[in-house]
Amino acid sequence: MNSTQVRPGVEVLVRLRGGISAEVAQYARDKLAPVVEQLHGPVPQVQVKLTQDPHPSVVRPVRAEATVDVGGRPVRAQVTAATLTEAVDLLKDRLAARLSRLSDRRAGHGHRAGGRRVQGSRPVEERQIVRRKSFPLPPQSVADALEELEAMDFDFYLFKEESTGADCLLSHADPAGYRIERTGHANPPDIPDAVIESHTPAPELTLAQAVQRLEVAALPFVFFIDPATGRGSVLYHRHDGNYGVIRPGS
């Protein structure tokens, strides 16, 4: 683990996984420090993680992640790339965009169970479910969930809608919009204009059926109702080409 001070009271921690050299860690600090230095208010810590996947079939084997504590609110950015320097450069740009967008929203200029949908190139027959996450879903409005989706740099975000009690999934939709899916029959009220509503509830699928749908339809993730619990769950492609599952906790 490496650390450096970018300004008084701000500590940048860099964690390396996969045989990455200390020179790359310094490169990351040099690139990200100017982004953090422009922030206003207390920023006690910046955490950076660089991971290199050794599997030869992964096209973009480098993953770079950064989390900045801005006034007690975590803001996250993450990218994948073919090389270490490319990953750091992309991370710098993405983090700067996230912080700018958060600042705009707090100034009135714009509008945590989530995940990334980066898909590796691992052969289908080698793919397995290697990550299972389960946690409570606190009730939220769609607007609050949208803010969490953006601040944490998620591609999708699972939450319990506060007025209907339905499990919902927010995700990005082109062009520059969002999509909401749900387990109940009624769409939540007060949906922001940029969010496209699904016309039907999520399908009820076993995990095996969800995997089949993910592969047959070439989807980055599938939102479905678990028949054993009646709750909404998400099956998604991980960066290494395997699968991950997110479920609501008790």
C-alpha atoms as a PDB file:
ATOM      1  CA  MET A   1       0.000   0.000   0.000  1.00  0.00           C
ATOM      2  CA  ASN A   2       1.309   3.448  -0.920  1.00  0.00           C
ATOM      3  CA  SER A   3       0.165   6.858   0.265  1.00  0.00           C
ATOM      4  CA  THR A   4       0.949  10.512  -0.301  1.00  0.00           C
ATOM      5  CA  GLN A   5      -0.429  13.907   0.742  1.00  0.00           C
ATOM      6  CA  VAL A   6      -1.987  15.983  -2.045  1.00  0.00           C
ATOM      7  CA  ARG A   7      -2.945  18.863   0.280  1.00  0.00           C
ATOM      8  CA  PRO A   8      -3.177  19.277   4.050  1.00  0.00           C
ATOM      9  CA  GLY A   9      -5.665  16.835   5.517  1.00  0.00           C
ATOM     10  CA  VAL A  10      -6.109  14.785   2.317  1.00  0.00           C
ATOM     11  CA  GLU A  11      -4.526  11.344   2.121  1.00  0.00           C
ATOM     12  CA  VAL A  12      -4.375   9.351  -1.105  1.00  0.00           C
ATOM     13  CA  LEU A  13      -4.140   5.603  -0.538  1.00  0.00           C
ATOM     14  CA  VAL A  14      -3.195   3.399  -3.493  1.00  0.00           C
ATOM     15  CA  ARG A  15      -3.703  -0.359  -3.314  1.00  0.00           C
ATOM     16  CA  LEU A  16      -2.137  -2.616  -5.944  1.00  0.00           C
ATOM     17  CA  ARG A  17      -3.219  -6.125  -6.945  1.00  0.00           C
ATOM     18  CA  GLY A  18      -1.765  -8.388  -9.597  1.00  0.00           C
ATOM     19  CA  GLY A  19       1.946  -7.583  -9.630  1.00  0.00           C
ATOM     20  CA  ILE A  20       1.646  -3.858 -10.433  1.00  0.00           C
ATOM     21  CA  SER A  21       4.790  -1.795  -9.829  1.00  0.00           C
ATOM     22  CA  ALA A  22       5.160   1.103  -7.407  1.00  0.00           C
ATOM     23  CA  GLU A  23       5.899   3.394 -10.360  1.00  0.00           C
ATOM     24  CA  VAL A  24       2.331   2.911 -11.566  1.00  0.00           C
ATOM     25  CA  ALA A  25       1.049   3.836  -8.110  1.00  0.00           C
ATOM     26  CA  GLN A  26       2.998   7.092  -8.284  1.00  0.00           C
ATOM     27  CA  TYR A  27       1.634   7.729 -11.781  1.00  0.00           C
ATOM     28  CA  ALA A  28      -1.878   7.334 -10.395  1.00  0.00           C
ATOM     29  CA  ARG A  29      -1.205   9.792  -7.563  1.00  0.00           C
ATOM     30  CA  ASP A  30       0.254  12.341  -9.963  1.00  0.00           C
ATOM     31  CA  LYS A  31      -2.801  12.088 -12.225  1.00  0.00           C
ATOM     32  CA  LEU A  32      -5.493  12.123  -9.538  1.00  0.00           C
ATOM     33  CA  ALA A  33      -4.009  14.725  -7.206  1.00  0.00           C
ATOM     34  CA  PRO A  34      -4.980  17.726  -9.388  1.00  0.00           C
ATOM     35  CA  VAL A  35      -8.581  16.465  -9.534  1.00  0.00           C
ATOM     36  CA  VAL A  36      -8.813  16.291  -5.746  1.00  0.00           C
ATOM     37  CA  GLU A  37      -7.026  19.589  -5.187  1.00  0.00           C
ATOM     38  CA  GLN A  38      -9.847  21.433  -6.954  1.00  0.00           C
ATOM     39  CA  LEU A  39     -12.479  20.268  -4.464  1.00  0.00           C
ATOM     40  CA  HIS A  40     -13.937  22.686  -1.947  1.00  0.00           C
ATOM     41  CA  GLY A  41     -14.412  21.714   1.675  1.00  0.00           C
ATOM     42  CA  PRO A  42     -12.881  18.878   3.711  1.00  0.00           C
ATOM     43  CA  VAL A  43     -11.765  15.738   1.868  1.00  0.00           C
ATOM     44  CA  PRO A  44     -10.201  13.451   4.487  1.00  0.00           C
ATOM     45  CA  GLN A  45      -9.204  10.586   2.199  1.00  0.00           C
ATOM     46  CA  VAL A  46      -9.004   9.335  -1.381  1.00  0.00           C
ATOM     47  CA  GLN A  47      -8.790   5.586  -1.961  1.00  0.00           C
ATOM     48  CA  VAL A  48      -7.458   4.181  -5.240  1.00  0.00           C
ATOM     49  CA  LYS A  49      -7.289   0.515  -6.203  1.00  0.00           C
ATOM     50  CA  LEU A  50      -5.506  -0.837  -9.282  1.00  0.00           C
ATOM     51  CA  THR A  51      -6.062  -4.486 -10.219  1.00  0.00           C
ATOM     52  CA  GLN A  52      -4.556  -6.477 -13.071  1.00  0.00           C
ATOM     53  CA  ASP A  53      -6.327  -9.694 -14.075  1.00  0.00           C
ATOM     54  CA  PRO A  54      -3.862 -12.451 -15.103  1.00  0.00           C
ATOM     55  CA  HIS A  55      -6.413 -14.383 -17.205  1.00  0.00           C
ATOM     56  CA  PRO A  56      -5.227 -14.176 -20.852  1.00  0.00           C
ATOM     57  CA  SER A  57      -8.741 -14.120 -22.345  1.00  0.00           C
ATOM     58  CA  VAL A  58      -9.735 -10.847 -20.638  1.00  0.00           C
ATOM     59  CA  VAL A  59      -9.528  -8.090 -23.250  1.00  0.00           C
ATOM     60  CA  ARG A  60      -9.421  -5.247 -20.727  1.00  0.00           C
ATOM     61  CA  PRO A  61      -7.566  -6.816 -17.787  1.00  0.00           C
ATOM     62  CA  VAL A  62      -6.840  -3.660 -15.792  1.00  0.00           C
ATOM     63  CA  ARG A  63      -9.433  -2.237 -13.407  1.00  0.00           C
ATOM     64  CA  ALA A  64      -8.939   1.125 -11.720  1.00  0.00           C
ATOM     65  CA  GLU A  65     -11.203   2.398  -8.937  1.00  0.00           C
ATOM     66  CA  ALA A  66     -11.251   5.576  -6.892  1.00  0.00           C
ATOM     67  CA  THR A  67     -13.426   6.628  -3.955  1.00  0.00           C
ATOM     68  CA  VAL A  68     -13.427  10.171  -2.607  1.00  0.00           C
ATOM     69  CA  ASP A  69     -15.108  11.200   0.636  1.00  0.00           C
ATOM     70  CA  VAL A  70     -16.709  14.574  -0.108  1.00  0.00           C
ATOM     71  CA  GLY A  71     -18.244  15.999   3.042  1.00  0.00           C
ATOM     72  CA  GLY A  72     -19.121  12.520   4.316  1.00  0.00           C
ATOM     73  CA  ARG A  73     -20.564  11.445   0.942  1.00  0.00           C
ATOM     74  CA  PRO A  74     -18.602   8.766  -0.986  1.00  0.00           C
ATOM     75  CA  VAL A  75     -18.132   9.522  -4.684  1.00  0.00           C
ATOM     76  CA  ARG A  76     -16.836   6.620  -6.731  1.00  0.00           C
ATOM     77  CA  ALA A  77     -15.377   6.125 -10.199  1.00  0.00           C
ATOM     78  CA  GLN A  78     -14.197   2.925 -11.861  1.00  0.00           C
ATOM     79  CA  VAL A  79     -12.978   1.938 -15.313  1.00  0.00           C
ATOM     80  CA  THR A  80     -11.367  -0.960 -17.154  1.00  0.00           C
ATOM     81  CA  ALA A  81      -8.669  -0.731 -19.799  1.00  0.00           C
ATOM     82  CA  ALA A  82      -6.109  -2.708 -21.776  1.00  0.00           C
ATOM     83  CA  THR A  83      -3.088  -1.097 -20.071  1.00  0.00           C
ATOM     84  CA  LEU A  84      -2.287   0.372 -16.668  1.00  0.00           C
ATOM     85  CA  THR A  85      -1.600   3.909 -17.874  1.00  0.00           C
ATOM     86  CA  GLU A  86      -4.755   3.937 -19.982  1.00  0.00           C
ATOM     87  CA  ALA A  87      -6.775   2.823 -16.945  1.00  0.00           C
ATOM     88  CA  VAL A  88      -5.345   5.608 -14.764  1.00  0.00           C
ATOM     89  CA  ASP A  89      -5.957   8.240 -17.440  1.00  0.00           C
ATOM     90  CA  LEU A  90      -9.558   7.091 -17.903  1.00  0.00           C
ATOM     91  CA  LEU A  91     -10.065   7.005 -14.138  1.00  0.00           C
ATOM     92  CA  LYS A  92      -8.891  10.592 -13.805  1.00  0.00           C
ATOM     93  CA  ASP A  93     -11.374  11.781 -16.436  1.00  0.00           C
ATOM     94  CA  ARG A  94     -14.246   9.749 -15.007  1.00  0.00           C
ATOM     95  CA  LEU A  95     -13.628  10.883 -11.434  1.00  0.00           C
ATOM     96  CA  ALA A  96     -13.455  14.510 -12.537  1.00  0.00           C
ATOM     97  CA  ALA A  97     -16.779  14.100 -14.363  1.00  0.00           C
ATOM     98  CA  ARG A  98     -18.403  12.447 -11.319  1.00  0.00           C
ATOM     99  CA  LEU A  99     -17.280  15.205  -8.978  1.00  0.00           C
ATOM    100  CA  SER A 100     -18.414  17.891 -11.397  1.00  0.00           C
ATOM    101  CA  ARG A 101     -21.823  16.257 -11.783  1.00  0.00           C
ATOM    102  CA  LEU A 102     -22.244  15.975  -8.012  1.00  0.00           C
ATOM    103  CA  SER A 103     -21.328  19.637  -7.611  1.00  0.00           C
ATOM    104  CA  ASP A 104     -23.883  20.605 -10.263  1.00  0.00           C
ATOM    105  CA  ARG A 105     -26.644  18.628  -8.545  1.00  0.00           C
ATOM    106  CA  ARG A 106     -25.878  20.182  -5.169  1.00  0.00           C
ATOM    107  CA  ALA A 107     -25.959  23.598  -6.803  1.00  0.00           C
ATOM    108  CA  GLY A 108     -29.330  22.809  -8.371  1.00  0.00           C
ATOM    109  CA  HIS A 109     -27.999  22.391 -11.916  1.00  0.00           C
ATOM    110  CA  GLY A 110     -28.929  18.825 -12.557  1.00  0.00           C
ATOM    111  CA  HIS A 111     -30.766  16.100 -11.563  1.00  0.00           C
ATOM    112  CA  ARG A 112     -25.972   1.273  -2.518  1.00  0.00           C
ATOM    113  CA  ALA A 113     -26.860  -1.705  -3.959  1.00  0.00           C
ATOM    114  CA  GLY A 114     -25.304  -1.323  -7.297  1.00  0.00           C
ATOM    115  CA  GLY A 115     -22.751  -2.725  -9.658  1.00  0.00           C
ATOM    116  CA  ARG A 116     -20.794  -2.379 -12.817  1.00  0.00           C
ATOM    117  CA  ARG A 117     -21.728  -4.174 -16.022  1.00  0.00           C
ATOM    118  CA  VAL A 118     -18.287  -4.537 -17.590  1.00  0.00           C
ATOM    119  CA  GLN A 119     -18.166  -7.818 -19.485  1.00  0.00           C
ATOM    120  CA  GLY A 120     -15.014  -9.867 -19.949  1.00  0.00           C
ATOM    121  CA  SER A 121     -14.333 -12.228 -22.821  1.00  0.00           C
ATOM    122  CA  ARG A 122     -14.105 -15.478 -20.845  1.00  0.00           C
ATOM    123  CA  PRO A 123     -15.576 -18.410 -22.853  1.00  0.00           C
ATOM    124  CA  VAL A 124     -19.197 -19.177 -21.930  1.00  0.00           C
ATOM    125  CA  GLU A 125     -18.397 -22.716 -20.799  1.00  0.00           C
ATOM    126  CA  GLU A 126     -15.882 -21.351 -18.251  1.00  0.00           C
ATOM    127  CA  ARG A 127     -18.178 -18.740 -16.682  1.00  0.00           C
ATOM    128  CA  GLN A 128     -19.285 -19.268 -13.095  1.00  0.00           C
ATOM    129  CA  ILE A 129     -21.075 -17.330 -10.365  1.00  0.00           C
ATOM    130  CA  VAL A 130     -18.125 -16.195  -8.272  1.00  0.00           C
ATOM    131  CA  ARG A 131     -19.640 -13.274  -6.360  1.00  0.00           C
ATOM    132  CA  ARG A 132     -22.870 -13.236  -4.340  1.00  0.00           C
ATOM    133  CA  LYS A 133     -23.879 -10.103  -2.447  1.00  0.00           C
ATOM    134  CA  SER A 134     -26.877  -9.669  -0.166  1.00  0.00           C
ATOM    135  CA  PHE A 135     -27.800  -6.650   1.946  1.00  0.00           C
ATOM    136  CA  PRO A 136     -30.870  -4.788   3.246  1.00  0.00           C
ATOM    137  CA  LEU A 137     -32.487  -2.299   0.875  1.00  0.00           C
ATOM    138  CA  PRO A 138     -33.588   0.857   2.716  1.00  0.00           C
ATOM    139  CA  PRO A 139     -36.667   2.537   1.202  1.00  0.00           C
ATOM    140  CA  GLN A 140     -35.747   5.326  -1.214  1.00  0.00           C
ATOM    141  CA  SER A 141     -37.387   7.614  -3.717  1.00  0.00           C
ATOM    142  CA  VAL A 142     -36.453   7.219  -7.372  1.00  0.00           C
ATOM    143  CA  ALA A 143     -34.709  10.598  -7.263  1.00  0.00           C
ATOM    144  CA  ASP A 144     -32.543   9.545  -4.306  1.00  0.00           C
ATOM    145  CA  ALA A 145     -31.709   6.239  -5.992  1.00  0.00           C
ATOM    146  CA  LEU A 146     -30.727   8.104  -9.143  1.00  0.00           C
ATOM    147  CA  GLU A 147     -28.355  10.292  -7.170  1.00  0.00           C
ATOM    148  CA  GLU A 148     -26.782   7.191  -5.611  1.00  0.00           C
ATOM    149  CA  LEU A 149     -26.413   5.566  -9.033  1.00  0.00           C
ATOM    150  CA  GLU A 150     -24.507   8.562 -10.325  1.00  0.00           C
ATOM    151  CA  ALA A 151     -22.419   9.375  -7.245  1.00  0.00           C
ATOM    152  CA  MET A 152     -21.195   5.799  -6.892  1.00  0.00           C
ATOM    153  CA  ASP A 153     -20.587   5.373 -10.635  1.00  0.00           C
ATOM    154  CA  PHE A 154     -22.805   2.284 -10.851  1.00  0.00           C
ATOM    155  CA  ASP A 155     -24.260   1.014 -14.111  1.00  0.00           C
ATOM    156  CA  PHE A 156     -27.247  -0.336 -12.189  1.00  0.00           C
ATOM    157  CA  TYR A 157     -28.651   0.185  -8.712  1.00  0.00           C
ATOM    158  CA  LEU A 158     -31.033  -2.080  -6.782  1.00  0.00           C
ATOM    159  CA  PHE A 159     -33.312  -0.403  -4.238  1.00  0.00           C
ATOM    160  CA  LYS A 160     -36.712  -0.601  -2.535  1.00  0.00           C
ATOM    161  CA  GLU A 161     -39.037   2.151  -3.732  1.00  0.00           C
ATOM    162  CA  GLU A 162     -40.471   3.919  -0.694  1.00  0.00           C
ATOM    163  CA  SER A 163     -44.062   4.513  -1.861  1.00  0.00           C
ATOM    164  CA  THR A 164     -44.854   1.158  -3.519  1.00  0.00           C
ATOM    165  CA  GLY A 165     -42.542  -1.118  -1.515  1.00  0.00           C
ATOM    166  CA  ALA A 166     -41.417  -2.774  -4.756  1.00  0.00           C
ATOM    167  CA  ASP A 167     -37.839  -3.797  -5.444  1.00  0.00           C
ATOM    168  CA  CYS A 168     -36.631  -1.669  -8.345  1.00  0.00           C
ATOM    169  CA  LEU A 169     -33.588  -1.499 -10.575  1.00  0.00           C
ATOM    170  CA  LEU A 170     -32.266   1.733 -12.041  1.00  0.00           C
ATOM    171  CA  SER A 171     -29.836   1.510 -14.947  1.00  0.00           C
ATOM    172  CA  HIS A 172     -28.391   3.638 -17.703  1.00  0.00           C
ATOM    173  CA  ALA A 173     -30.247   3.806 -21.011  1.00  0.00           C
ATOM    174  CA  ASP A 174     -29.243   5.449 -24.276  1.00  0.00           C
ATOM    175  CA  PRO A 175     -29.233   8.220 -25.174  1.00  0.00           C
ATOM    176  CA  ALA A 176     -28.036   9.714 -21.878  1.00  0.00           C
ATOM    177  CA  GLY A 177     -31.079   8.568 -19.947  1.00  0.00           C
ATOM    178  CA  TYR A 178     -32.084   5.948 -17.384  1.00  0.00           C
ATOM    179  CA  ARG A 179     -34.442   2.989 -17.115  1.00  0.00           C
ATOM    180  CA  ILE A 180     -36.374   1.698 -14.117  1.00  0.00           C
ATOM    181  CA  GLU A 181     -37.616  -1.892 -13.728  1.00  0.00           C
ATOM    182  CA  ARG A 182     -39.748  -3.151 -10.849  1.00  0.00           C
ATOM    183  CA  THR A 183     -41.180  -6.258  -9.181  1.00  0.00           C
ATOM    184  CA  GLY A 184     -44.658  -4.788  -8.596  1.00  0.00           C
ATOM    185  CA  HIS A 185     -47.379  -3.946 -11.103  1.00  0.00           C
ATOM    186  CA  ALA A 186     -47.522  -0.219 -10.331  1.00  0.00           C
ATOM    187  CA  ASN A 187     -44.807   2.189 -11.415  1.00  0.00           C
ATOM    188  CA  PRO A 188     -43.477   4.467  -8.652  1.00  0.00           C
ATOM    189  CA  PRO A 189     -44.809   8.045  -8.606  1.00  0.00           C
ATOM    190  CA  ASP A 190     -42.743  11.149  -9.305  1.00  0.00           C
ATOM    191  CA  ILE A 191     -40.323   9.523 -11.722  1.00  0.00           C
ATOM    192  CA  PRO A 192     -37.814  12.065 -13.136  1.00  0.00           C
ATOM    193  CA  ASP A 193     -38.242  12.915 -16.822  1.00  0.00           C
ATOM    194  CA  ALA A 194     -34.928  11.310 -17.775  1.00  0.00           C
ATOM    195  CA  VAL A 195     -36.075   7.894 -16.464  1.00  0.00           C
ATOM    196  CA  ILE A 196     -37.873   5.498 -18.839  1.00  0.00           C
ATOM    197  CA  GLU A 197     -40.519   3.345 -17.138  1.00  0.00           C
ATOM    198  CA  SER A 198     -40.816  -0.381 -17.802  1.00  0.00           C
ATOM    199  CA  HIS A 199     -44.294  -1.459 -18.938  1.00  0.00           C
ATOM    200  CA  THR A 200     -44.260  -4.861 -17.219  1.00  0.00           C
ATOM    201  CA  PRO A 201     -42.871  -6.242 -13.951  1.00  0.00           C
ATOM    202  CA  ALA A 202     -39.604  -8.152 -13.897  1.00  0.00           C
ATOM    203  CA  PRO A 203     -39.886 -11.836 -14.899  1.00  0.00           C
ATOM    204  CA  GLU A 204     -39.829 -14.627 -12.328  1.00  0.00           C
ATOM    205  CA  LEU A 205     -36.748 -16.747 -13.040  1.00  0.00           C
ATOM    206  CA  THR A 206     -34.574 -19.287 -11.321  1.00  0.00           C
ATOM    207  CA  LEU A 207     -30.888 -18.454 -11.230  1.00  0.00           C
ATOM    208  CA  ALA A 208     -30.233 -20.991 -13.995  1.00  0.00           C
ATOM    209  CA  GLN A 209     -32.926 -19.396 -16.158  1.00  0.00           C
ATOM    210  CA  ALA A 210     -31.469 -15.944 -15.488  1.00  0.00           C
ATOM    211  CA  VAL A 211     -28.046 -17.158 -16.660  1.00  0.00           C
ATOM    212  CA  GLN A 212     -29.614 -18.561 -19.810  1.00  0.00           C
ATOM    213  CA  ARG A 213     -31.411 -15.284 -20.548  1.00  0.00           C
ATOM    214  CA  LEU A 214     -28.229 -13.305 -19.915  1.00  0.00           C
ATOM    215  CA  GLU A 215     -26.310 -15.360 -22.466  1.00  0.00           C
ATOM    216  CA  VAL A 216     -28.998 -15.943 -25.113  1.00  0.00           C
ATOM    217  CA  ALA A 217     -29.957 -12.273 -25.254  1.00  0.00           C
ATOM    218  CA  ALA A 218     -26.317 -11.101 -24.843  1.00  0.00           C
ATOM    219  CA  LEU A 219     -27.316  -8.808 -21.975  1.00  0.00           C
ATOM    220  CA  PRO A 220     -24.932  -7.115 -19.511  1.00  0.00           C
ATOM    221  CA  PHE A 221     -27.283  -7.934 -16.601  1.00  0.00           C
ATOM    222  CA  VAL A 222     -30.731  -9.371 -15.871  1.00  0.00           C
ATOM    223  CA  PHE A 223     -33.191  -8.109 -13.252  1.00  0.00           C
ATOM    224  CA  PHE A 224     -35.541 -10.884 -12.140  1.00  0.00           C
ATOM    225  CA  ILE A 225     -37.815 -12.058  -9.341  1.00  0.00           C
ATOM    226  CA  ASP A 226     -36.400 -14.941  -7.323  1.00  0.00           C
ATOM    227  CA  PRO A 227     -39.267 -17.488  -7.013  1.00  0.00           C
ATOM    228  CA  ALA A 228     -37.931 -18.646  -3.634  1.00  0.00           C
ATOM    229  CA  THR A 229     -38.187 -15.197  -2.037  1.00  0.00           C
ATOM    230  CA  GLY A 230     -40.412 -13.119  -4.306  1.00  0.00           C
ATOM    231  CA  ARG A 231     -37.747 -10.386  -4.232  1.00  0.00           C
ATOM    232  CA  GLY A 232     -35.905  -8.674  -7.044  1.00  0.00           C
ATOM    233  CA  SER A 233     -32.360  -9.849  -7.823  1.00  0.00           C
ATOM    234  CA  VAL A 234     -29.694  -8.966 -10.377  1.00  0.00           C
ATOM    235  CA  LEU A 235     -27.407 -11.327 -12.281  1.00  0.00           C
ATOM    236  CA  TYR A 236     -24.569  -9.526 -14.047  1.00  0.00           C
ATOM    237  CA  HIS A 237     -21.325 -10.006 -15.944  1.00  0.00           C
ATOM    238  CA  ARG A 238     -18.221  -9.257 -13.903  1.00  0.00           C
ATOM    239  CA  HIS A 239     -15.098  -7.628 -15.294  1.00  0.00           C
ATOM    240  CA  ASP A 240     -13.355 -11.041 -15.391  1.00  0.00           C
ATOM    241  CA  GLY A 241     -16.079 -12.622 -17.528  1.00  0.00           C
ATOM    242  CA  ASN A 242     -17.694 -14.555 -14.671  1.00  0.00           C
ATOM    243  CA  TYR A 243     -21.057 -13.776 -13.069  1.00  0.00           C
ATOM    244  CA  GLY A 244     -22.121 -11.947  -9.938  1.00  0.00           C
ATOM    245  CA  VAL A 245     -25.487 -11.893  -8.135  1.00  0.00           C
ATOM    246  CA  ILE A 246     -26.990  -9.155  -5.977  1.00  0.00           C
ATOM    247  CA  ARG A 247     -29.966 -10.011  -3.747  1.00  0.00           C
ATOM    248  CA  PRO A 248     -31.894  -8.062  -1.086  1.00  0.00           C
ATOM    249  CA  GLY A 249     -31.001  -9.036   2.469  1.00  0.00           C
ATOM    250  CA  SER A 250     -33.438  -9.506   5.321  1.00  0.00           C
END
